[in-house]
Protein backbone atom coordinates (compact mmCIF):
# COMPACT_ATOMS: atom_id res chain seq x y z
CA MET A 1 0.00 0.00 0.00
CA GLN A 2 2.78 2.44 0.96
CA GLU A 3 4.60 1.75 -2.35
CA ASP A 4 1.37 2.35 -4.30
CA VAL A 5 0.81 5.66 -2.51
CA THR A 6 4.42 6.67 -3.21
CA ASP A 7 3.99 5.89 -6.91
CA ASN A 8 0.76 7.86 -7.06
CA LYS A 9 2.44 10.73 -5.26
CA ARG A 10 4.69 11.17 -8.29
CA ARG A 11 1.72 11.32 -10.66
CA TYR A 12 -0.90 13.38 -8.87
CA ARG A 13 -0.61 16.84 -7.33
CA ILE A 14 -3.03 19.67 -6.54
CA HIS A 15 -0.60 22.45 -7.25
CA GLY A 16 -0.69 25.98 -5.95
CA TRP A 17 -2.60 27.58 -3.17
CA LEU A 18 -5.10 24.72 -3.12
CA ALA A 19 -2.38 22.49 -1.64
CA LEU A 20 -1.92 25.02 1.20
CA SER A 21 -5.63 25.63 1.69
CA PRO A 22 -6.07 23.16 4.62
CA MET A 23 -3.87 25.46 6.70
CA LEU A 24 -6.03 28.42 5.68
CA VAL A 25 -9.16 26.47 6.62
CA PHE A 26 -7.70 25.81 10.07
CA LEU A 27 -6.62 29.42 10.58
CA PHE A 28 -10.04 30.73 9.52
CA THR A 29 -11.98 28.16 11.55
CA TYR A 30 -10.00 28.56 14.75
CA LEU A 31 -8.32 31.96 14.79
CA GLY A 32 -10.65 33.85 12.47
CA ALA A 33 -13.89 32.66 14.01
CA SER A 34 -12.54 33.08 17.55
CA ILE A 35 -11.57 36.69 16.81
CA LEU A 36 -14.98 37.41 15.25
CA LEU A 37 -16.75 35.87 18.25
CA ASN A 38 -14.29 37.49 20.67
CA ASP A 39 -14.05 34.17 22.48
CA PHE A 40 -11.13 31.79 22.01
CA TYR A 41 -12.90 29.03 23.95
CA LYS A 42 -15.98 28.99 21.69
CA ILE A 43 -14.46 26.73 19.04
CA PRO A 44 -12.40 23.77 20.36
CA ILE A 45 -9.02 23.50 18.64
CA THR A 46 -9.66 19.76 18.18
CA VAL A 47 -12.75 20.53 16.09
CA ALA A 48 -10.86 23.08 13.97
CA PHE A 49 -8.14 20.53 13.23
CA MET A 50 -10.68 17.78 12.52
CA LEU A 51 -12.49 19.97 9.96
CA SER A 52 -9.25 21.07 8.25
CA SER A 53 -7.95 17.47 8.26
CA CYS A 54 -11.16 16.17 6.64
CA TYR A 55 -10.87 18.96 4.07
CA ALA A 56 -7.21 18.06 3.37
CA VAL A 57 -8.18 14.44 2.72
CA ALA A 58 -11.16 15.46 0.56
CA ILE A 59 -9.23 17.74 -1.83
CA THR A 60 -6.42 15.23 -2.53
CA ARG A 61 -6.69 13.91 -6.07
CA GLY A 62 -5.74 10.67 -7.80
CA LEU A 63 -6.00 8.41 -4.75
CA THR A 64 -8.75 6.26 -3.32
CA ILE A 65 -10.18 7.29 0.03
CA GLU A 66 -8.23 4.42 1.66
CA GLU A 67 -4.98 5.66 0.13
CA ARG A 68 -5.65 9.24 1.24
CA ILE A 69 -6.30 8.10 4.79
CA ASN A 70 -3.11 6.05 4.60
CA VAL A 71 -1.11 9.16 3.70
CA PHE A 72 -2.79 11.07 6.54
CA SER A 73 -2.03 8.22 8.96
CA LEU A 74 1.61 8.13 7.88
CA GLY A 75 1.92 11.78 8.88
CA ALA A 76 0.10 11.26 12.18
CA SER A 77 2.33 8.28 13.01
CA ASP A 78 5.61 9.98 12.11
CA LYS A 79 8.28 9.15 14.70
CA SER A 80 8.68 12.79 15.73
CA ILE A 81 4.90 13.06 16.28
CA LEU A 82 4.78 9.88 18.37
CA LEU A 83 7.80 11.01 20.36
CA MET A 84 5.92 14.19 21.25
CA VAL A 85 2.91 12.09 22.30
CA TRP A 86 5.11 10.10 24.69
CA ILE A 87 6.56 13.30 26.12
CA PHE A 88 3.10 14.79 26.59
CA MET A 89 1.90 11.67 28.44
CA LEU A 90 4.94 11.60 30.72
CA ALA A 91 4.76 15.34 31.35
CA GLY A 92 1.09 15.10 32.29
CA ALA A 93 1.69 12.13 34.58
CA PHE A 94 4.68 13.83 36.24
CA ALA A 95 2.90 17.16 36.74
CA GLN A 96 -0.20 15.60 38.29
CA GLY A 97 1.80 13.08 40.33
CA ALA A 98 4.00 15.89 41.66
CA LYS A 99 0.93 17.96 42.49
CA GLN A 100 -0.76 15.07 44.31
CA MET A 101 2.21 14.38 46.59
CA GLY A 102 2.76 18.09 47.35
CA ALA A 103 5.90 18.73 45.28
CA ILE A 104 4.49 21.70 43.37
CA ASP A 105 3.26 23.43 46.56
CA SER A 106 6.66 23.03 48.20
CA VAL A 107 8.54 24.24 45.11
CA VAL A 108 6.21 27.25 44.79
CA ASN A 109 6.68 28.14 48.47
CA LEU A 110 10.47 27.77 48.09
CA THR A 111 10.46 30.05 45.03
CA LEU A 112 8.39 32.68 46.83
CA THR A 113 10.77 32.49 49.79
CA ILE A 114 13.89 32.98 47.66
CA LEU A 115 12.60 35.57 45.20
CA PRO A 116 11.07 38.88 46.32
CA SER A 117 7.73 39.53 44.64
CA ASP A 118 9.11 42.37 42.48
CA LEU A 119 11.69 40.02 40.92
CA LEU A 120 9.39 37.04 40.54
CA LEU A 121 8.70 37.50 36.81
CA ALA A 122 12.34 38.22 36.00
CA GLY A 123 13.45 35.23 38.08
CA ILE A 124 11.12 32.82 36.29
CA PHE A 125 12.24 34.17 32.90
CA LEU A 126 15.94 33.80 33.79
CA ALA A 127 15.35 30.28 35.10
CA SER A 128 13.60 29.35 31.85
CA CYS A 129 16.42 30.83 29.76
CA PHE A 130 19.13 29.09 31.80
CA ILE A 131 17.46 25.68 31.85
CA SER A 132 16.65 25.73 28.13
CA LEU A 133 20.21 26.80 27.32
CA SER A 134 21.53 23.93 29.41
CA VAL A 135 19.21 21.21 28.14
CA GLY A 136 18.74 22.44 24.57
CA THR A 137 15.01 21.83 24.50
CA SER A 138 12.09 24.17 24.96
CA VAL A 139 9.65 21.29 25.51
CA GLY A 140 11.61 19.89 28.48
CA THR A 141 11.90 23.36 30.02
CA ILE A 142 8.17 23.99 29.66
CA ALA A 143 7.26 20.57 31.10
CA ALA A 144 9.41 21.27 34.16
CA LEU A 145 8.50 24.91 34.83
CA VAL A 146 4.90 25.52 33.73
CA PRO A 147 3.38 23.61 36.69
CA VAL A 148 5.51 25.72 39.05
CA ALA A 149 4.54 28.92 37.19
CA SER A 150 0.87 27.93 37.46
CA GLY A 151 1.24 27.47 41.20
CA LEU A 152 2.97 30.84 41.52
CA ALA A 153 0.18 32.51 39.55
CA ALA A 154 -2.43 31.01 41.88
CA LYS A 155 -0.51 32.16 44.98
CA THR A 156 0.22 35.69 43.78
CA GLY A 157 -2.84 36.50 41.68
CA ILE A 158 -0.72 37.07 38.56
CA ASP A 159 -2.59 36.34 35.31
CA LEU A 160 -2.03 32.64 34.49
CA PRO A 161 -1.63 33.03 30.67
CA PHE A 162 0.91 35.81 31.31
CA MET A 163 2.92 33.71 33.78
CA THR A 164 2.83 30.77 31.36
CA ALA A 165 4.06 33.04 28.54
CA VAL A 166 7.09 34.02 30.66
CA VAL A 167 8.19 30.37 30.75
CA VAL A 168 7.38 29.69 27.07
CA GLY A 169 9.28 32.78 25.91
CA GLY A 170 12.38 32.00 27.97
CA SER A 171 12.38 28.37 26.81
CA PHE A 172 13.10 29.49 23.24
CA PHE A 173 16.25 31.32 24.33
CA GLY A 174 18.02 27.98 24.79
CA ASP A 175 16.19 26.28 21.94
CA ASN A 176 17.73 28.87 19.63
CA LEU A 177 21.22 29.11 21.19
CA SER A 178 22.12 25.85 22.92
CA PHE A 179 24.92 23.73 21.45
CA ILE A 180 22.84 20.60 22.06
CA SER A 181 19.60 21.97 20.60
CA ASP A 182 18.35 19.98 17.60
CA THR A 183 17.66 23.23 15.73
CA THR A 184 21.26 24.38 16.23
CA ILE A 185 22.57 21.02 15.06
CA ALA A 186 20.27 21.01 12.00
CA ALA A 187 21.10 24.61 11.03
CA THR A 188 24.87 24.26 11.37
CA GLN A 189 25.16 20.82 9.77
CA THR A 190 23.04 21.72 6.74
CA GLN A 191 24.97 24.97 6.16
CA ASN A 192 28.36 23.38 6.88
CA CYS A 193 29.49 25.73 9.65
CA LEU A 194 30.75 25.29 13.20
CA MET A 195 28.35 25.58 16.13
CA LYS A 196 30.58 28.05 17.94
CA ASP A 197 30.64 30.34 14.89
CA LYS A 198 26.85 30.20 14.54
CA PHE A 199 26.58 30.94 18.28
CA ARG A 200 28.75 34.07 17.92
CA VAL A 201 26.46 35.44 15.21
CA ASN A 202 23.26 34.33 16.93
CA ILE A 203 24.06 35.80 20.33
CA GLN A 204 24.76 39.22 18.82
CA ILE A 205 21.36 39.21 17.12
CA ILE A 206 19.08 37.90 19.87
CA LEU A 207 20.79 38.76 23.19
CA PRO A 208 19.23 42.27 23.08
CA ALA A 209 15.80 40.59 22.82
CA ALA A 210 16.46 38.63 26.03
CA LEU A 211 17.75 41.74 27.83
CA ILE A 212 14.78 43.86 26.74
CA SER A 213 12.40 41.11 27.89
CA LEU A 214 14.21 40.92 31.24
CA VAL A 215 13.93 44.70 31.74
CA ILE A 216 10.19 44.53 30.93
CA TYR A 217 9.68 41.77 33.49
CA ILE A 218 11.65 43.70 36.12
CA LEU A 219 9.57 46.83 35.52
CA GLN A 220 6.31 44.90 35.54
CA GLY A 221 7.39 43.07 38.68
CA MET A 222 8.03 46.34 40.46
CA SER A 223 4.43 47.35 39.86
CA LEU A 224 3.07 44.11 41.33
CA GLN A 225 1.36 44.60 44.67
CA VAL A 226 1.23 41.03 45.92
CA THR A 227 1.65 39.62 49.40
CA PRO A 228 1.48 35.88 48.78
CA ASP A 229 0.55 33.51 51.54
CA ILE A 230 3.74 31.43 51.75
CA GLY A 231 3.03 27.98 53.11
CA PRO A 232 5.45 25.48 54.64
CA ILE A 233 8.26 23.92 52.62
CA VAL A 234 8.52 20.14 52.91
CA TRP A 235 12.07 19.68 51.69
CA SER A 236 11.68 16.01 50.78
CA GLN A 237 8.85 16.97 48.41
CA VAL A 238 11.21 19.29 46.52
CA ILE A 239 13.43 16.32 45.57
CA PRO A 240 11.50 15.26 42.39
CA TYR A 241 11.76 18.73 40.88
CA LEU A 242 15.39 19.19 41.87
CA LEU A 243 16.11 15.77 40.36
CA VAL A 244 14.36 16.69 37.11
CA LEU A 245 16.21 20.00 36.80
CA ILE A 246 19.63 18.55 37.67
CA LEU A 247 19.29 15.61 35.25
CA ALA A 248 18.06 17.96 32.54
CA LEU A 249 21.02 20.28 33.10
CA PHE A 250 23.36 17.31 32.60
CA GLY A 251 21.80 16.78 29.18
CA MET A 252 19.82 13.59 29.84
CA ASN A 253 17.10 12.71 27.33
CA VAL A 254 13.85 14.48 28.23
CA MET A 255 11.87 11.21 28.35
CA MET A 256 14.35 9.64 30.77
CA VAL A 257 14.28 12.80 32.88
CA LEU A 258 10.48 12.67 33.13
CA LEU A 259 10.45 8.92 33.85
CA ILE A 260 12.95 9.30 36.69
CA GLY A 261 11.07 12.33 37.99
CA LEU A 262 7.82 10.38 37.86
CA ALA A 263 9.36 7.51 39.84
CA ALA A 264 10.69 10.04 42.36
CA THR A 265 7.21 11.50 42.91
CA GLY A 266 5.96 8.00 43.72
CA ILE A 267 8.78 7.09 46.09
CA VAL A 268 8.82 10.41 47.95
CA GLY A 269 5.01 10.58 47.95
CA ILE A 270 4.60 7.13 49.49
CA LEU A 271 7.28 7.88 52.11
CA THR A 272 5.51 11.14 53.03
CA GLY A 273 2.05 9.63 53.30
CA THR A 274 0.53 9.56 49.79
CA PRO A 275 -1.22 6.19 49.23
CA PHE A 276 0.17 4.17 46.34
CA PHE A 277 -3.14 3.89 44.49
CA THR A 278 -3.79 7.61 44.96
CA TRP A 279 -0.46 8.27 43.20
CA LEU A 280 -1.43 5.90 40.37
CA GLY A 281 -4.79 7.64 40.05
CA ALA A 282 -3.05 11.02 39.85
CA MET A 283 -0.83 9.72 37.05
CA GLY A 284 -3.87 8.52 35.12
CA GLU A 285 -5.58 11.86 35.64
CA GLY A 286 -2.49 13.66 34.35
CA ILE A 287 -2.33 11.51 31.22
CA MET A 288 -6.05 11.99 30.54
CA GLY A 289 -5.57 15.73 31.03
CA MET A 290 -3.24 15.68 28.01
CA SER A 291 -5.72 13.83 25.78
CA GLU A 292 -6.85 16.92 23.86
CA LEU A 293 -3.21 17.86 23.28
CA ILE A 294 -2.41 14.36 21.99
CA ILE A 295 -5.42 14.40 19.63
CA VAL A 296 -4.42 17.81 18.28
CA THR A 297 -0.83 16.62 17.74
CA LEU A 298 -1.96 13.57 15.75
CA LEU A 299 -4.44 15.56 13.66
CA ALA A 300 -1.86 18.28 12.97
CA GLY A 301 0.73 15.70 11.93
CA GLY A 302 -1.69 14.09 9.48
CA MET A 303 -2.97 17.38 8.03
CA LEU A 304 0.53 18.79 7.56
CA GLU A 305 1.62 15.58 5.83
CA MET A 306 -1.27 16.01 3.39
CA ILE A 307 -0.08 19.56 2.67
CA ARG A 308 3.46 18.29 2.04
CA PHE A 309 2.18 15.34 -0.03
CA ASN A 310 0.16 17.67 -2.27
CA GLY A 311 3.15 19.91 -2.91
CA GLY A 312 2.13 22.83 -0.70
CA ILE A 313 5.54 23.34 0.89
CA ALA A 314 7.38 22.95 -2.43
CA PHE A 315 4.98 25.47 -3.99
CA ILE A 316 5.57 28.17 -1.39
CA ILE A 317 9.34 27.66 -1.53
CA LYS A 318 9.30 28.13 -5.30
CA LYS A 319 7.13 31.24 -4.98
CA MET A 320 9.37 32.83 -2.38
CA THR A 321 12.62 32.29 -4.28
CA LYS A 322 11.38 33.55 -7.65
CA HIS A 323 12.22 37.27 -7.37
CA ILE A 324 15.21 37.60 -5.02
CA LYS A 325 17.32 40.74 -5.44
CA GLY A 326 20.47 41.52 -3.43
CA LYS A 327 21.81 40.17 -0.13
CA ARG A 328 19.03 41.64 1.98
CA GLY A 329 16.38 40.02 -0.21
CA ALA A 330 18.29 36.73 -0.18
CA GLU A 331 18.58 36.65 3.62
CA MET A 332 14.99 37.74 4.10
CA SER A 333 13.72 35.09 1.68
CA ILE A 334 15.57 32.41 3.67
CA GLY A 335 13.96 33.66 6.88
CA VAL A 336 10.46 33.81 5.38
CA LEU A 337 10.90 30.37 3.78
CA VAL A 338 11.83 28.63 7.02
CA GLY A 339 9.11 30.55 8.85
CA LEU A 340 6.45 29.41 6.38
CA ALA A 341 7.78 25.85 6.51
CA ASP A 342 7.44 25.95 10.29
CA LEU A 343 3.92 27.33 9.96
CA CYS A 344 3.08 24.32 7.78
CA THR A 345 4.91 21.65 9.79
CA ALA A 346 4.69 23.00 13.38
CA ASN A 347 8.21 21.65 13.93
CA ASN A 348 11.17 24.03 13.80
CA THR A 349 13.75 21.29 13.23
CA ILE A 350 11.80 19.81 10.32
CA ALA A 351 11.31 23.32 8.92
CA ILE A 352 15.08 23.88 8.92
CA ILE A 353 15.80 20.52 7.30
CA THR A 354 13.08 21.14 4.68
CA THR A 355 14.37 24.54 3.57
CA ALA A 356 18.11 24.05 4.21
CA PRO A 357 19.01 22.92 0.66
CA ILE A 358 17.25 25.97 -0.84
CA ALA A 359 18.95 28.21 1.74
CA ARG A 360 22.33 26.78 0.81
CA GLN A 361 21.70 27.43 -2.90
CA ILE A 362 20.61 31.02 -2.19
CA SER A 363 23.65 31.47 0.06
CA GLN A 364 26.04 30.36 -2.66
CA GLN A 365 24.34 32.38 -5.38
CA PHE A 366 24.41 35.65 -3.39
CA ASN A 367 27.67 34.99 -1.52
CA LEU A 368 26.09 35.06 1.94
CA ASP A 369 27.98 34.17 5.10
CA LYS A 370 26.97 30.61 5.97
CA ARG A 371 27.27 31.38 9.71
CA LYS A 372 24.64 34.10 9.43
CA VAL A 373 22.46 31.91 7.20
CA ALA A 374 22.50 29.19 9.89
CA SER A 375 21.57 31.80 12.48
CA ILE A 376 18.70 33.12 10.33
CA LEU A 377 17.34 29.60 9.79
CA ASP A 378 17.42 28.83 13.51
CA THR A 379 16.07 32.18 14.72
CA PHE A 380 13.18 32.50 12.27
CA SER A 381 12.07 28.91 12.87
CA CYS A 382 12.18 29.35 16.67
CA MET A 383 10.34 32.67 16.44
CA VAL A 384 7.46 31.17 14.43
CA GLN A 385 7.41 28.00 16.54
CA GLY A 386 7.17 30.15 19.65
CA ILE A 387 3.96 31.92 18.62
CA ILE A 388 1.85 29.40 16.67
CA PRO A 389 -0.97 28.06 18.88
CA TYR A 390 -0.70 24.53 17.47
CA GLY A 391 3.05 24.14 18.07
CA ALA A 392 4.16 21.47 20.54
CA GLN A 393 5.51 24.04 23.00
CA MET A 394 2.31 26.11 23.14
CA LEU A 395 0.15 23.00 23.31
CA ILE A 396 2.03 21.41 26.19
CA ALA A 397 2.18 24.74 28.07
CA SER A 398 -1.55 25.35 27.66
CA GLY A 399 -2.31 21.72 28.51
CA LEU A 400 -0.32 21.84 31.76
CA ALA A 401 -1.74 25.24 32.70
CA GLY A 402 -5.30 24.37 31.66
CA ILE A 403 -5.74 27.42 29.41
CA SER A 404 -6.23 28.17 25.71
CA PRO A 405 -2.97 28.31 23.70
CA VAL A 406 -4.19 31.49 22.01
CA SER A 407 -4.45 33.26 25.38
CA ILE A 408 -0.67 32.95 25.78
CA ILE A 409 0.30 34.62 22.49
CA GLY A 410 -0.29 38.24 23.50
CA SER A 411 2.21 37.99 26.38
CA LEU A 412 5.05 36.33 24.44
CA TYR A 413 7.53 39.22 24.54
CA TYR A 414 10.71 37.30 23.77
CA PRO A 415 9.69 35.43 20.56
CA PHE A 416 8.25 38.62 19.02
CA LEU A 417 11.33 40.65 20.00
CA MET A 418 13.53 37.89 18.58
CA GLY A 419 11.69 38.17 15.26
CA ILE A 420 11.96 41.98 15.19
CA LEU A 421 15.70 41.90 15.89
CA VAL A 422 16.54 39.25 13.31
CA ILE A 423 14.63 41.28 10.68
CA LEU A 424 16.57 44.41 11.71
CA ALA A 425 19.81 42.43 11.51
CA ILE A 426 18.97 41.60 7.89
CA LEU A 427 17.85 45.10 6.91
CA LEU A 428 20.74 46.90 8.67
CA ARG A 429 23.33 44.29 7.58
CA LEU A 430 24.27 43.30 11.14
CA PRO A 431 26.50 41.97 12.55
CA LYS A 432 28.84 43.71 10.11
CA LYS A 433 31.52 41.03 10.28
CA TYR A 434 29.11 38.38 9.07
CA SER A 435 27.15 40.48 6.57
């Protein structure tokens, strides 16, 4: 069956904007209708993805309905999609297990004890930046910190979507810069440059974005008038979170980190009085709490595979590279290409890999510095990934916080600043040494 579908893929295409139209259907159904109704909870994101997925299957030509569903299923069962599903399940189980045995309350009380209220926002942002830089993954950072941020929001009265956005924004600092980030590896390997050289270019472009965000959080923190009720700290209950953070900082795989953390919540919980079956029930509740996120991830994977299958990504790449003029236009086209690819795949690493060959050709044709090209690929993909409501990072953050992913977007200072600064770096030919 797979060979038949592959053969048909070579013969049948729905070229042009029609191939991209499932994405437009989703954006209109979810974002457009929500804006018109002024209510982002009115239309479930699962329904929006189901409608756009059915539409994507319906418009595909030259295949039987069984073959179309097979293509959709291949996208939904892609190894990167299933890996995210495993991470979501473990993150949900860990977060709820930690909450049940009191770990989150103790960590929140410890944080409030260490950080004065006026530096709370800045402290959470710095912690998110530092952890993501150390572990190289925004998803792992969000899974570890969003439950704590949610607890802090409840204790202090700070808006929950805003507090969640602080963590999400900071998590992309490391995703973009870390030497062990998959986006850094993909960008440098495909453009044939050293990681340290890409880092030197990248840090000059986006460090101001992090500093501006930090100043904003400091100023906003100073205006906070909160006197949180700080409860007792049970130090043994802090162990699961400390273990998760320490193992993550040593670069352990995020799934192993969450598994070990999950085991720690059980051991410490039982020793401190949480019944074994209560802990198991909390794990099940946490996994079920991620069910909507898992469904959205599978539907998005299938729909985006249909777009790729029908030539939508290839079409937009060809369109964008048709009228390039000068170095600025060449660099900007690379940024827009990888951004659009990320919009269509909801995976910044895949977006880089998809557009990297085109970026390399443009780089050679216009004599661009490959170190800056790698930086542009990484930064644009992380910027788009950081603000799309159906990206893994936004979905897991909203799932753990129990809020709409769209409600987070307006408070994402760092990703938007990162995008503004990389565009300025292109227009102003900065950094000079690499332009």
